Amino acid sequence: MEYADIIVAVVGAFALAWIADQLTGRRGLFATLLVSGIGALCGWFLAVRVFAVSTMDDWLWVGTAMMASAVALFGFFLFRNKR
């Protein structure tokens, strides 16, 4: 499959968001999906466009995107407004 890495990155970002939502018990899946997706997109941008450590043909950017997604989710739950 030509686009398997993109599919894995999208499914990985969804899985991270779902796991984070289940662990925190907040039941706000849309917000965690949004944060996870934006974090993954930022991770891709840093790996491919800014630091040029990977290309779209490599799998390194998928790991970078997942790490950035996890960092974004951590920051989201750390600095989220608690009512």
C-alpha atoms as a PDB file:
ATOM      1  CA  MET A   1       0.000   0.000   0.000  1.00  0.00           C
ATOM      2  CA  GLU A   2       1.304   3.337  -0.998  1.00  0.00           C
ATOM      3  CA  TYR A   3      -0.362   5.356   1.738  1.00  0.00           C
ATOM      4  CA  ALA A   4      -0.042   2.922   4.627  1.00  0.00           C
ATOM      5  CA  ASP A   5       2.075   5.327   6.676  1.00  0.00           C
ATOM      6  CA  ILE A   6      -0.584   8.031   6.464  1.00  0.00           C
ATOM      7  CA  ILE A   7      -3.285   5.559   7.500  1.00  0.00           C
ATOM      8  CA  VAL A   8      -1.161   4.386  10.437  1.00  0.00           C
ATOM      9  CA  ALA A   9      -0.568   7.997  11.535  1.00  0.00           C
ATOM     10  CA  VAL A  10      -4.281   8.855  11.423  1.00  0.00           C
ATOM     11  CA  VAL A  11      -5.289   5.688  13.274  1.00  0.00           C
ATOM     12  CA  GLY A  12      -2.470   6.245  15.805  1.00  0.00           C
ATOM     13  CA  ALA A  13      -3.595   9.811  16.507  1.00  0.00           C
ATOM     14  CA  PHE A  14      -7.173   8.590  16.943  1.00  0.00           C
ATOM     15  CA  ALA A  15      -6.018   5.798  19.261  1.00  0.00           C
ATOM     16  CA  LEU A  16      -3.961   8.190  21.384  1.00  0.00           C
ATOM     17  CA  ALA A  17      -6.932  10.543  21.690  1.00  0.00           C
ATOM     18  CA  TRP A  18      -9.295   7.728  22.603  1.00  0.00           C
ATOM     19  CA  ILE A  19      -6.901   6.309  25.209  1.00  0.00           C
ATOM     20  CA  ALA A  20      -6.312   9.745  26.737  1.00  0.00           C
ATOM     21  CA  ASP A  21     -10.056  10.367  26.885  1.00  0.00           C
ATOM     22  CA  GLN A  22     -10.688   7.011  28.548  1.00  0.00           C
ATOM     23  CA  LEU A  23      -7.873   7.414  31.077  1.00  0.00           C
ATOM     24  CA  THR A  24      -9.004  10.850  32.171  1.00  0.00           C
ATOM     25  CA  GLY A  25     -12.710  10.026  32.177  1.00  0.00           C
ATOM     26  CA  ARG A  26     -13.628  13.392  30.736  1.00  0.00           C
ATOM     27  CA  ARG A  27     -15.832  12.048  27.907  1.00  0.00           C
ATOM     28  CA  GLY A  28     -14.776  14.844  25.581  1.00  0.00           C
ATOM     29  CA  LEU A  29     -13.613  12.800  22.619  1.00  0.00           C
ATOM     30  CA  PHE A  30     -13.984  15.609  20.074  1.00  0.00           C
ATOM     31  CA  ALA A  31     -11.623  17.901  21.987  1.00  0.00           C
ATOM     32  CA  THR A  32      -9.007  15.193  22.460  1.00  0.00           C
ATOM     33  CA  LEU A  33      -9.304  14.200  18.788  1.00  0.00           C
ATOM     34  CA  LEU A  34      -8.754  17.812  17.767  1.00  0.00           C
ATOM     35  CA  VAL A  35      -5.721  18.225  20.022  1.00  0.00           C
ATOM     36  CA  SER A  36      -4.250  14.878  18.990  1.00  0.00           C
ATOM     37  CA  GLY A  37      -4.741  15.590  15.293  1.00  0.00           C
ATOM     38  CA  ILE A  38      -3.184  19.046  15.491  1.00  0.00           C
ATOM     39  CA  GLY A  39      -0.280  17.643  17.511  1.00  0.00           C
ATOM     40  CA  ALA A  40       0.286  14.910  14.930  1.00  0.00           C
ATOM     41  CA  LEU A  41       0.170  17.461  12.134  1.00  0.00           C
ATOM     42  CA  CYS A  42       2.746  19.600  13.950  1.00  0.00           C
ATOM     43  CA  GLY A  43       4.956  16.537  14.441  1.00  0.00           C
ATOM     44  CA  TRP A  44       4.778  15.763  10.738  1.00  0.00           C
ATOM     45  CA  PHE A  45       5.585  19.370   9.868  1.00  0.00           C
ATOM     46  CA  LEU A  46       8.602  19.433  12.177  1.00  0.00           C
ATOM     47  CA  ALA A  47       9.996  16.127  10.887  1.00  0.00           C
ATOM     48  CA  VAL A  48       9.425  16.658   7.190  1.00  0.00           C
ATOM     49  CA  ARG A  49       9.515  20.399   6.564  1.00  0.00           C
ATOM     50  CA  VAL A  50      11.474  22.049   9.391  1.00  0.00           C
ATOM     51  CA  PHE A  51      14.215  19.633  10.438  1.00  0.00           C
ATOM     52  CA  ALA A  52      14.204  17.566   7.201  1.00  0.00           C
ATOM     53  CA  VAL A  53      15.022  14.343   9.090  1.00  0.00           C
ATOM     54  CA  SER A  54      12.444  12.393   7.117  1.00  0.00           C
ATOM     55  CA  THR A  55      10.524  12.317   3.867  1.00  0.00           C
ATOM     56  CA  MET A  56       7.005  11.154   3.191  1.00  0.00           C
ATOM     57  CA  ASP A  57       8.472   7.845   1.992  1.00  0.00           C
ATOM     58  CA  ASP A  58      10.047   7.109   5.404  1.00  0.00           C
ATOM     59  CA  TRP A  59       8.301   5.880   8.537  1.00  0.00           C
ATOM     60  CA  LEU A  60      10.276   8.152  10.877  1.00  0.00           C
ATOM     61  CA  TRP A  61       7.747  10.955  10.544  1.00  0.00           C
ATOM     62  CA  VAL A  62       4.982   8.688  11.857  1.00  0.00           C
ATOM     63  CA  GLY A  63       6.850   8.200  15.137  1.00  0.00           C
ATOM     64  CA  THR A  64       7.548  11.912  15.356  1.00  0.00           C
ATOM     65  CA  ALA A  65       3.890  12.682  14.739  1.00  0.00           C
ATOM     66  CA  MET A  66       2.808  10.266  17.472  1.00  0.00           C
ATOM     67  CA  MET A  67       5.282  11.747  19.952  1.00  0.00           C
ATOM     68  CA  ALA A  68       4.074  15.266  19.159  1.00  0.00           C
ATOM     69  CA  SER A  69       0.480  14.108  19.530  1.00  0.00           C
ATOM     70  CA  ALA A  70       1.239  12.656  22.970  1.00  0.00           C
ATOM     71  CA  VAL A  71       2.991  15.878  24.037  1.00  0.00           C
ATOM     72  CA  ALA A  72       0.032  17.951  22.820  1.00  0.00           C
ATOM     73  CA  LEU A  73      -2.419  15.759  24.734  1.00  0.00           C
ATOM     74  CA  PHE A  74      -0.276  16.016  27.868  1.00  0.00           C
ATOM     75  CA  GLY A  75      -0.228  19.797  27.567  1.00  0.00           C
ATOM     76  CA  PHE A  76      -3.960  19.868  26.907  1.00  0.00           C
ATOM     77  CA  PHE A  77      -4.780  17.983  30.089  1.00  0.00           C
ATOM     78  CA  LEU A  78      -2.150  19.839  32.099  1.00  0.00           C
ATOM     79  CA  PHE A  79      -3.325  23.329  31.223  1.00  0.00           C
ATOM     80  CA  ARG A  80      -7.005  22.667  30.620  1.00  0.00           C
ATOM     81  CA  ASN A  81      -9.352  24.898  32.542  1.00  0.00           C
ATOM     82  CA  LYS A  82     -10.949  23.005  35.408  1.00  0.00           C
ATOM     83  CA  ARG A  83     -14.393  24.197  36.379  1.00  0.00           C
END
